[in-house]
Amino acid sequence: MPCSERNINRSELRGDARKIFNPKTTIDMAKEPRNVDILRDRGKTFIVVGTAHVSKESAQQVATIIKEERPDTVCIELCQSRYETLTKKKQWEDTDLLKVIREKKAFLLLFNFLLSSFQKKIGDRLGVKPGQEVLEAIKTAQDVGAHIYLADRDIRITLSRTWRLMGLWTRLKLVAQIFTSASDLETIKGTEIEKMKDLNVVESLISEVAKSLPEVGRVLIDERDQYLSKKIREAPGEKIVAVVGAGHLPGIKKYWDKEIDTAQLETLPPKGKLMSVLKWLIPFLIIAIIAAGFTMAGRQAGAHMVKWWVIANAVLSGLGAAAALAHPITILSAIIAAPITSLNPLVAAGWVAGVVEVFFGRPKVKDFQALAKDLGSIKGFWKNKVTRVLLVVVLTNLGSSLGTFVAIPLMLKVLAQ
């Protein structure tokens, strides 16, 4: 069942709260902050609350509205996996890193951790747990006996769609932008976070993201606006309180009366044809260049070309693994694997190194338990054995890719002599 469709029934909730549901709302929109909207559909009332995800005031506001309105259902901007991450402390302990590597999802998981780290840093600065307003919504919904309805798209689908729709340059810009933003967090203030709930500020921020990274803006913002709008409208009950990030509030209103195909939004786009061609074309060209060296320039020239190929791939791949603070045997495996795997589109040096790192530096339960703390700093990514494995995969692959592009001009130089 898609996470967004999960409906947590009253039988799953703690307590035996009793109440009479009333579709009418007591909210006075003339006095309510601009981050609250009342929408209606088919006789149902929807109170949509836009929040800042690391704000004490947002958490308090959410709890107050749910207690006063006592809705049939509380919609939250989570999918099943994110819900379990927030509510189940041991969720990460079940992560199978070998499966992550085998399914080529190491970078996606690392990217997810990076986003979590970014949010956690803001929360630490303000003394509030990231997602506190969602936890408050869940707890208060349990107290009043309301359904909890998960309205967001599966985070894995969102990240996968984002990644596949981005080109290499856009991917690099996105990661660089996250690291750059993280370095500016020391100066952020609580009042600045609260300003995020002002719709004009949020709309301008979204506009900037969409302008510089249109693929990211479309998938992370516009598509999720559509998805949330449709899922909130489908929530059971006559009175629904929906708790969403303030940045989604304008989009939810925009798509409220439109037909949305959620199945299409849950479909992964096909991998780019250019990349599919290049991953086979580049190894073929490299083999052709080396063969030309042996036939046109002689055995010695061909041997020199092979030497440059091995050195460039081995050294840079090994440096990538070393940069991730990999086990010495992992570094050696990266050095040995890179010149071979770079010619095989079905295998990558990072995958080999990642498997070896799991074997020799296998993360323990305490590493999974320490994830929440370690994600609070860049240093923690290297300290924690879970994220270190992912860094080994990503940095080794990056080194191997650089080695390929460094080796090609060196080999052509030998051929031209």
Protein backbone atom coordinates (compact mmCIF):
# COMPACT_ATOMS: atom_id res chain seq x y z
CA MET A 1 0.00 0.00 0.00
CA PRO A 2 1.48 3.40 -0.91
CA CYS A 3 2.44 5.28 2.26
CA SER A 4 0.27 8.24 1.41
CA GLU A 5 -2.82 6.03 1.46
CA ARG A 6 -2.27 4.60 4.92
CA ASN A 7 -5.08 5.53 7.31
CA ILE A 8 -4.29 4.93 10.96
CA ASN A 9 -7.57 3.89 12.59
CA ARG A 10 -8.78 4.84 16.04
CA SER A 11 -8.13 1.26 17.19
CA GLU A 12 -4.42 1.96 16.73
CA LEU A 13 -4.49 5.09 18.87
CA ARG A 14 -3.71 5.30 22.55
CA GLY A 15 -6.45 6.19 24.97
CA ASP A 16 -10.23 5.93 24.77
CA ALA A 17 -11.12 9.54 24.03
CA ARG A 18 -14.79 10.15 23.27
CA LYS A 19 -16.13 13.12 21.36
CA ILE A 20 -18.90 14.36 19.12
CA PHE A 21 -17.57 15.42 15.72
CA ASN A 22 -18.71 18.76 14.43
CA PRO A 23 -18.04 19.76 10.80
CA LYS A 24 -18.31 23.44 11.69
CA THR A 25 -15.20 25.34 12.67
CA THR A 26 -14.76 27.92 15.41
CA ILE A 27 -11.81 29.59 13.67
CA ASP A 28 -12.19 33.31 13.05
CA MET A 29 -10.25 33.88 9.82
CA ALA A 30 -10.16 37.61 10.46
CA LYS A 31 -8.05 36.98 13.57
CA GLU A 32 -6.20 33.82 12.50
CA PRO A 33 -2.61 34.13 11.20
CA ARG A 34 -2.14 34.01 7.44
CA ASN A 35 -0.72 30.49 7.63
CA VAL A 36 -4.18 28.98 8.24
CA ASP A 37 -6.77 28.43 5.51
CA ILE A 38 -10.24 26.91 5.51
CA LEU A 39 -11.15 24.97 2.37
CA ARG A 40 -14.31 23.05 1.53
CA ASP A 41 -15.18 20.15 -0.74
CA ARG A 42 -18.34 18.00 -1.01
CA GLY A 43 -19.72 19.24 2.30
CA LYS A 44 -16.43 18.62 4.13
CA THR A 45 -14.42 21.26 5.98
CA PHE A 46 -10.62 21.33 5.74
CA ILE A 47 -8.52 23.46 8.09
CA VAL A 48 -5.08 23.62 6.48
CA VAL A 49 -2.26 24.80 8.76
CA GLY A 50 1.02 25.86 7.18
CA THR A 51 3.97 25.37 9.52
CA ALA A 52 7.71 25.90 9.79
CA HIS A 53 9.19 22.44 10.36
CA VAL A 54 11.57 23.60 13.11
CA SER A 55 9.39 26.01 15.05
CA LYS A 56 8.13 25.84 18.65
CA GLU A 57 5.34 28.27 17.78
CA SER A 58 4.18 26.05 14.90
CA ALA A 59 4.03 23.02 17.18
CA GLN A 60 2.00 24.94 19.77
CA GLN A 61 -0.35 26.34 17.14
CA VAL A 62 -1.01 22.89 15.66
CA ALA A 63 -1.83 21.41 19.08
CA THR A 64 -4.16 24.29 19.93
CA ILE A 65 -6.13 24.07 16.66
CA ILE A 66 -6.59 20.29 16.93
CA LYS A 67 -7.72 20.52 20.57
CA GLU A 68 -10.19 23.30 19.83
CA GLU A 69 -11.54 21.91 16.54
CA ARG A 70 -11.57 18.19 17.54
CA PRO A 71 -11.59 17.02 13.89
CA ASP A 72 -12.54 13.60 12.55
CA THR A 73 -9.14 13.32 10.85
CA VAL A 74 -5.71 14.92 11.12
CA CYS A 75 -3.73 14.85 7.86
CA ILE A 76 0.02 15.12 8.18
CA GLU A 77 2.69 15.78 5.57
CA LEU A 78 4.34 12.36 5.93
CA CYS A 79 4.51 9.06 4.08
CA GLN A 80 4.77 5.71 5.86
CA SER A 81 8.58 5.54 5.92
CA ARG A 82 8.95 9.09 7.29
CA TYR A 83 6.17 8.42 9.81
CA GLU A 84 8.08 5.40 11.11
CA THR A 85 11.33 7.37 11.19
CA LEU A 86 9.70 9.96 13.46
CA THR A 87 7.73 7.61 15.68
CA LYS A 88 9.84 4.42 15.82
CA LYS A 89 13.28 4.86 17.37
CA LYS A 90 14.60 1.54 16.04
CA GLN A 91 13.45 2.02 12.43
CA TRP A 92 16.95 2.68 11.07
CA GLU A 93 18.33 -0.44 12.77
CA ASP A 94 16.57 -2.58 10.15
CA THR A 95 18.37 -0.89 7.24
CA ASP A 96 20.13 -3.44 5.01
CA LEU A 97 23.13 -1.53 3.65
CA LEU A 98 24.08 -4.35 1.29
CA LYS A 99 20.60 -4.16 -0.23
CA VAL A 100 20.92 -0.37 -0.53
CA ILE A 101 24.22 -0.78 -2.41
CA ARG A 102 22.89 -3.60 -4.58
CA GLU A 103 19.83 -1.56 -5.59
CA LYS A 104 22.08 1.44 -6.43
CA LYS A 105 20.39 3.64 -3.82
CA ALA A 106 23.44 4.63 -1.76
CA PHE A 107 23.48 8.20 -3.04
CA LEU A 108 19.72 8.61 -2.56
CA LEU A 109 19.99 7.46 1.06
CA LEU A 110 23.02 9.68 1.65
CA PHE A 111 21.16 12.61 0.07
CA ASN A 112 18.19 11.93 2.36
CA PHE A 113 20.53 11.94 5.36
CA LEU A 114 22.04 15.21 4.13
CA LEU A 115 18.62 16.88 4.00
CA SER A 116 17.85 15.53 7.49
CA SER A 117 21.14 16.92 8.72
CA PHE A 118 20.31 20.35 7.30
CA GLN A 119 16.97 20.40 9.10
CA LYS A 120 18.45 19.05 12.33
CA LYS A 121 21.03 21.84 12.42
CA ILE A 122 18.31 24.46 12.27
CA GLY A 123 16.40 22.63 15.00
CA ASP A 124 19.49 22.45 17.24
CA ARG A 125 20.04 26.18 16.83
CA LEU A 126 16.46 26.86 17.95
CA GLY A 127 16.23 24.17 20.62
CA VAL A 128 13.44 22.27 18.90
CA LYS A 129 13.31 18.80 17.38
CA PRO A 130 12.79 18.80 13.58
CA GLY A 131 9.26 17.68 12.82
CA GLN A 132 8.06 18.65 16.29
CA GLU A 133 4.87 20.13 14.86
CA VAL A 134 4.09 16.79 13.19
CA LEU A 135 4.79 14.86 16.39
CA GLU A 136 2.54 17.32 18.22
CA ALA A 137 -0.18 16.79 15.60
CA ILE A 138 0.07 13.00 16.04
CA LYS A 139 -0.03 13.19 19.84
CA THR A 140 -2.92 15.65 19.94
CA ALA A 141 -4.87 13.63 17.36
CA GLN A 142 -4.47 10.60 19.61
CA ASP A 143 -5.66 12.61 22.59
CA VAL A 144 -8.88 13.68 20.85
CA GLY A 145 -9.46 10.31 19.16
CA ALA A 146 -9.03 11.49 15.57
CA HIS A 147 -7.85 9.45 12.61
CA ILE A 148 -4.26 10.07 11.50
CA TYR A 149 -4.01 10.19 7.72
CA LEU A 150 -0.65 10.18 5.93
CA ALA A 151 -1.02 12.50 2.94
CA ASP A 152 2.44 12.78 1.42
CA ARG A 153 4.09 10.87 -1.43
CA ASP A 154 6.65 8.20 -0.57
CA ILE A 155 9.94 10.03 0.05
CA ARG A 156 11.80 7.38 -1.99
CA ILE A 157 9.64 8.14 -5.03
CA THR A 158 10.09 11.88 -4.55
CA LEU A 159 13.88 11.63 -4.32
CA SER A 160 14.10 9.14 -7.20
CA ARG A 161 11.97 11.35 -9.45
CA THR A 162 14.04 14.38 -8.49
CA TRP A 163 17.31 12.59 -9.21
CA ARG A 164 16.24 11.12 -12.55
CA LEU A 165 14.90 14.41 -13.83
CA MET A 166 18.12 16.25 -12.98
CA GLY A 167 21.19 16.44 -15.16
CA LEU A 168 24.68 15.93 -13.73
CA TRP A 169 25.35 19.66 -13.45
CA THR A 170 22.05 20.26 -11.63
CA ARG A 171 22.84 17.43 -9.20
CA LEU A 172 26.20 18.97 -8.36
CA LYS A 173 24.62 22.41 -7.92
CA LEU A 174 21.98 21.00 -5.59
CA VAL A 175 24.50 19.26 -3.34
CA ALA A 176 26.73 22.36 -3.35
CA GLN A 177 23.74 24.55 -2.46
CA ILE A 178 22.87 22.33 0.51
CA PHE A 179 26.44 22.43 1.85
CA THR A 180 26.60 26.20 1.32
CA SER A 181 23.31 26.73 3.13
CA ALA A 182 24.46 24.48 5.97
CA SER A 183 27.49 26.72 6.53
CA ASP A 184 25.18 29.74 7.00
CA LEU A 185 23.11 28.17 9.77
CA GLU A 186 25.15 29.66 12.59
CA THR A 187 23.57 33.06 11.95
CA ILE A 188 19.93 31.96 11.69
CA LYS A 189 17.52 33.20 14.36
CA GLY A 190 14.18 31.97 15.64
CA THR A 191 12.42 35.06 14.33
CA GLU A 192 13.72 34.32 10.83
CA ILE A 193 12.30 30.79 10.97
CA GLU A 194 8.92 32.16 12.03
CA LYS A 195 8.98 34.51 9.04
CA MET A 196 8.88 31.39 6.84
CA LYS A 197 5.20 31.10 7.73
CA ASP A 198 4.51 34.38 5.97
CA LEU A 199 3.19 33.31 2.58
CA ASN A 200 4.90 36.10 0.64
CA VAL A 201 8.31 35.07 2.00
CA VAL A 202 7.66 31.39 1.29
CA GLU A 203 6.43 32.06 -2.22
CA SER A 204 9.56 34.08 -2.98
CA LEU A 205 11.79 31.31 -1.60
CA ILE A 206 10.02 28.72 -3.75
CA SER A 207 10.34 31.00 -6.77
CA GLU A 208 14.10 31.24 -6.22
CA VAL A 209 14.48 27.45 -5.94
CA ALA A 210 12.43 26.87 -9.08
CA LYS A 211 14.42 29.54 -10.92
CA SER A 212 17.89 28.14 -10.14
CA LEU A 213 16.95 24.45 -10.04
CA PRO A 214 13.72 24.01 -12.05
CA GLU A 215 13.78 20.19 -11.89
CA VAL A 216 14.05 20.27 -8.12
CA GLY A 217 11.35 22.91 -7.79
CA ARG A 218 8.96 20.93 -9.98
CA VAL A 219 9.32 17.61 -8.13
CA LEU A 220 9.90 18.73 -4.55
CA ILE A 221 7.38 21.55 -4.59
CA ASP A 222 4.90 21.60 -7.47
CA GLU A 223 4.31 17.84 -7.74
CA ARG A 224 3.96 17.47 -3.99
CA ASP A 225 1.55 20.41 -3.89
CA GLN A 226 -0.64 18.49 -6.32
CA TYR A 227 -0.25 15.22 -4.44
CA LEU A 228 -1.00 16.74 -1.03
CA SER A 229 -4.00 18.61 -2.41
CA LYS A 230 -5.56 15.41 -3.80
CA LYS A 231 -4.78 13.26 -0.75
CA ILE A 232 -6.08 15.81 1.74
CA ARG A 233 -9.37 16.01 -0.19
CA GLU A 234 -9.61 12.20 -0.01
CA ALA A 235 -9.17 12.10 3.78
CA PRO A 236 -12.11 10.52 5.64
CA GLY A 237 -14.44 12.49 7.88
CA GLU A 238 -16.43 15.71 7.72
CA LYS A 239 -13.92 17.94 9.48
CA ILE A 240 -10.22 17.56 8.69
CA VAL A 241 -7.20 19.41 10.01
CA ALA A 242 -4.21 19.20 7.63
CA VAL A 243 -0.71 20.02 8.90
CA VAL A 244 1.69 20.87 6.05
CA GLY A 245 4.82 22.93 5.48
CA ALA A 246 3.97 26.58 4.90
CA GLY A 247 5.62 26.44 1.48
CA HIS A 248 2.94 24.02 0.26
CA LEU A 249 -0.05 26.10 1.34
CA PRO A 250 -0.29 28.29 -1.81
CA GLY A 251 0.11 25.24 -4.09
CA ILE A 252 -2.52 23.20 -2.25
CA LYS A 253 -5.00 26.06 -2.74
CA LYS A 254 -3.96 26.40 -6.38
CA TYR A 255 -4.71 22.73 -7.18
CA TRP A 256 -7.66 22.30 -4.82
CA ASP A 257 -10.37 22.24 -7.49
CA LYS A 258 -8.29 20.51 -10.19
CA GLU A 259 -8.22 16.85 -11.20
CA ILE A 260 -4.93 15.30 -10.10
CA ASP A 261 -3.59 11.96 -11.34
CA THR A 262 -1.65 10.68 -8.31
CA ALA A 263 -0.72 7.45 -10.12
CA GLN A 264 1.25 9.46 -12.65
CA LEU A 265 2.98 11.35 -9.84
CA GLU A 266 4.05 8.03 -8.30
CA THR A 267 5.61 6.74 -11.52
CA LEU A 268 9.36 6.89 -11.92
CA PRO A 269 10.42 8.55 -15.20
CA PRO A 270 12.61 6.42 -17.47
CA LYS A 271 16.34 6.87 -17.18
CA GLY A 272 17.77 9.34 -19.65
CA LYS A 273 18.61 7.79 -23.02
CA LEU A 274 21.82 9.78 -23.26
CA MET A 275 23.19 8.32 -20.02
CA SER A 276 22.13 4.81 -21.07
CA VAL A 277 24.05 5.23 -24.32
CA LEU A 278 27.09 6.86 -22.72
CA LYS A 279 27.57 4.16 -20.11
CA TRP A 280 28.18 1.67 -22.93
CA LEU A 281 29.73 4.08 -25.45
CA ILE A 282 32.52 5.38 -23.18
CA PRO A 283 33.95 1.92 -22.32
CA PHE A 284 33.75 0.99 -26.02
CA LEU A 285 35.66 4.14 -27.02
CA ILE A 286 38.31 3.56 -24.35
CA ILE A 287 38.90 0.00 -25.51
CA ALA A 288 39.00 1.24 -29.11
CA ILE A 289 41.60 3.92 -28.21
CA ILE A 290 43.81 1.37 -26.45
CA ALA A 291 43.46 -1.07 -29.37
CA ALA A 292 44.39 1.74 -31.78
CA GLY A 293 47.47 2.44 -29.68
CA PHE A 294 48.69 -1.13 -30.00
CA THR A 295 47.95 -1.39 -33.73
CA MET A 296 48.96 2.13 -34.86
CA ALA A 297 51.67 3.19 -32.42
CA GLY A 298 53.12 -0.12 -31.38
CA ARG A 299 53.21 -2.34 -28.34
CA GLN A 300 55.12 0.13 -26.16
CA ALA A 301 52.68 2.97 -26.83
CA GLY A 302 49.74 0.65 -26.15
CA ALA A 303 51.33 -0.43 -22.89
CA HIS A 304 51.78 3.22 -21.87
CA MET A 305 48.09 3.87 -22.58
CA VAL A 306 47.06 0.93 -20.43
CA LYS A 307 49.41 2.22 -17.72
CA TRP A 308 47.78 5.67 -17.70
CA TRP A 309 44.31 4.10 -17.65
CA VAL A 310 45.15 1.94 -14.63
CA ILE A 311 46.98 4.69 -12.73
CA ALA A 312 44.33 7.39 -13.24
CA ASN A 313 41.43 5.14 -12.26
CA ALA A 314 43.18 3.36 -9.42
CA VAL A 315 44.67 6.45 -7.80
CA LEU A 316 41.57 8.66 -7.95
CA SER A 317 39.25 5.85 -6.92
CA GLY A 318 41.52 5.00 -4.00
CA LEU A 319 41.67 8.66 -3.01
CA GLY A 320 37.86 8.76 -3.03
CA ALA A 321 37.69 5.78 -0.67
CA ALA A 322 40.43 7.29 1.52
CA ALA A 323 38.53 10.60 1.66
CA ALA A 324 35.61 8.64 3.13
CA LEU A 325 37.99 7.25 5.80
CA ALA A 326 37.44 3.73 4.51
CA HIS A 327 39.15 0.64 5.93
CA PRO A 328 42.63 0.07 4.36
CA ILE A 329 41.41 -3.10 2.67
CA THR A 330 38.43 -1.15 1.28
CA ILE A 331 40.84 1.40 -0.20
CA LEU A 332 42.87 -1.42 -1.74
CA SER A 333 39.70 -2.98 -3.20
CA ALA A 334 38.78 0.38 -4.76
CA ILE A 335 42.25 0.69 -6.31
CA ILE A 336 42.07 -2.82 -7.78
CA ALA A 337 38.43 -2.64 -8.91
CA ALA A 338 38.33 0.80 -10.57
CA PRO A 339 40.37 0.12 -13.75
CA ILE A 340 38.21 -2.98 -14.40
CA THR A 341 34.76 -1.77 -13.34
CA SER A 342 35.19 1.48 -15.31
CA LEU A 343 35.01 -0.67 -18.45
CA ASN A 344 31.92 -2.56 -17.24
CA PRO A 345 28.68 -0.51 -17.16
CA LEU A 346 27.02 -3.12 -14.93
CA VAL A 347 29.45 -2.78 -12.02
CA ALA A 348 30.94 0.25 -10.25
CA ALA A 349 34.05 0.55 -8.12
CA GLY A 350 32.02 2.23 -5.39
CA TRP A 351 29.70 -0.75 -5.09
CA VAL A 352 32.65 -3.09 -4.68
CA ALA A 353 34.26 -0.80 -2.10
CA GLY A 354 30.95 -0.36 -0.27
CA VAL A 355 30.44 -4.11 0.10
CA VAL A 356 34.01 -4.54 1.37
CA GLU A 357 33.52 -1.65 3.83
CA VAL A 358 30.34 -3.26 5.19
CA PHE A 359 32.27 -6.52 5.69
CA PHE A 360 35.30 -5.01 7.45
CA GLY A 361 33.64 -2.04 9.16
CA ARG A 362 30.14 -3.42 9.64
CA PRO A 363 27.89 -0.85 11.35
CA LYS A 364 26.64 -1.94 14.75
CA VAL A 365 23.32 -1.26 16.43
CA LYS A 366 24.87 1.68 18.30
CA ASP A 367 25.78 3.29 14.95
CA PHE A 368 22.16 3.21 13.84
CA GLN A 369 21.06 4.50 17.24
CA ALA A 370 23.57 7.36 16.98
CA LEU A 371 22.39 8.44 13.51
CA ALA A 372 20.07 11.16 14.81
CA LYS A 373 22.91 12.73 16.80
CA ASP A 374 25.65 12.25 14.20
CA LEU A 375 23.59 13.78 11.39
CA GLY A 376 23.79 17.05 13.28
CA SER A 377 27.32 17.72 11.97
CA ILE A 378 29.31 17.14 8.79
CA LYS A 379 31.96 15.44 10.94
CA GLY A 380 29.29 13.01 12.11
CA PHE A 381 28.83 11.71 8.55
CA TRP A 382 32.41 10.41 8.65
CA LYS A 383 32.24 9.27 12.28
CA ASN A 384 29.12 7.14 11.94
CA LYS A 385 29.77 3.79 10.24
CA VAL A 386 26.36 3.84 8.49
CA THR A 387 26.91 7.11 6.66
CA ARG A 388 30.59 6.28 6.18
CA VAL A 389 29.63 3.24 4.09
CA LEU A 390 27.47 5.47 1.91
CA LEU A 391 30.29 8.00 1.60
CA VAL A 392 32.63 5.20 0.53
CA VAL A 393 30.26 4.22 -2.27
CA VAL A 394 29.67 7.77 -3.48
CA LEU A 395 33.23 9.12 -3.20
CA THR A 396 34.81 5.99 -4.70
CA ASN A 397 32.45 6.18 -7.67
CA LEU A 398 33.20 9.88 -8.03
CA GLY A 399 36.94 9.19 -7.99
CA SER A 400 36.57 6.42 -10.54
CA SER A 401 34.54 8.68 -12.85
CA LEU A 402 37.14 11.43 -12.58
CA GLY A 403 39.84 8.86 -13.30
CA THR A 404 38.15 7.97 -16.56
CA PHE A 405 38.06 11.58 -17.74
CA VAL A 406 41.65 12.17 -16.63
CA ALA A 407 42.90 9.02 -18.36
CA ILE A 408 41.33 9.70 -21.79
CA PRO A 409 43.41 12.82 -22.68
CA LEU A 410 46.56 11.15 -21.32
CA MET A 411 45.98 8.13 -23.58
CA LEU A 412 45.20 10.31 -26.59
CA LYS A 413 48.44 12.22 -25.98
CA VAL A 414 50.38 8.94 -26.14
CA LEU A 415 48.56 7.97 -29.35
CA ALA A 416 49.37 11.34 -30.95
CA GLN A 417 53.09 11.06 -30.31
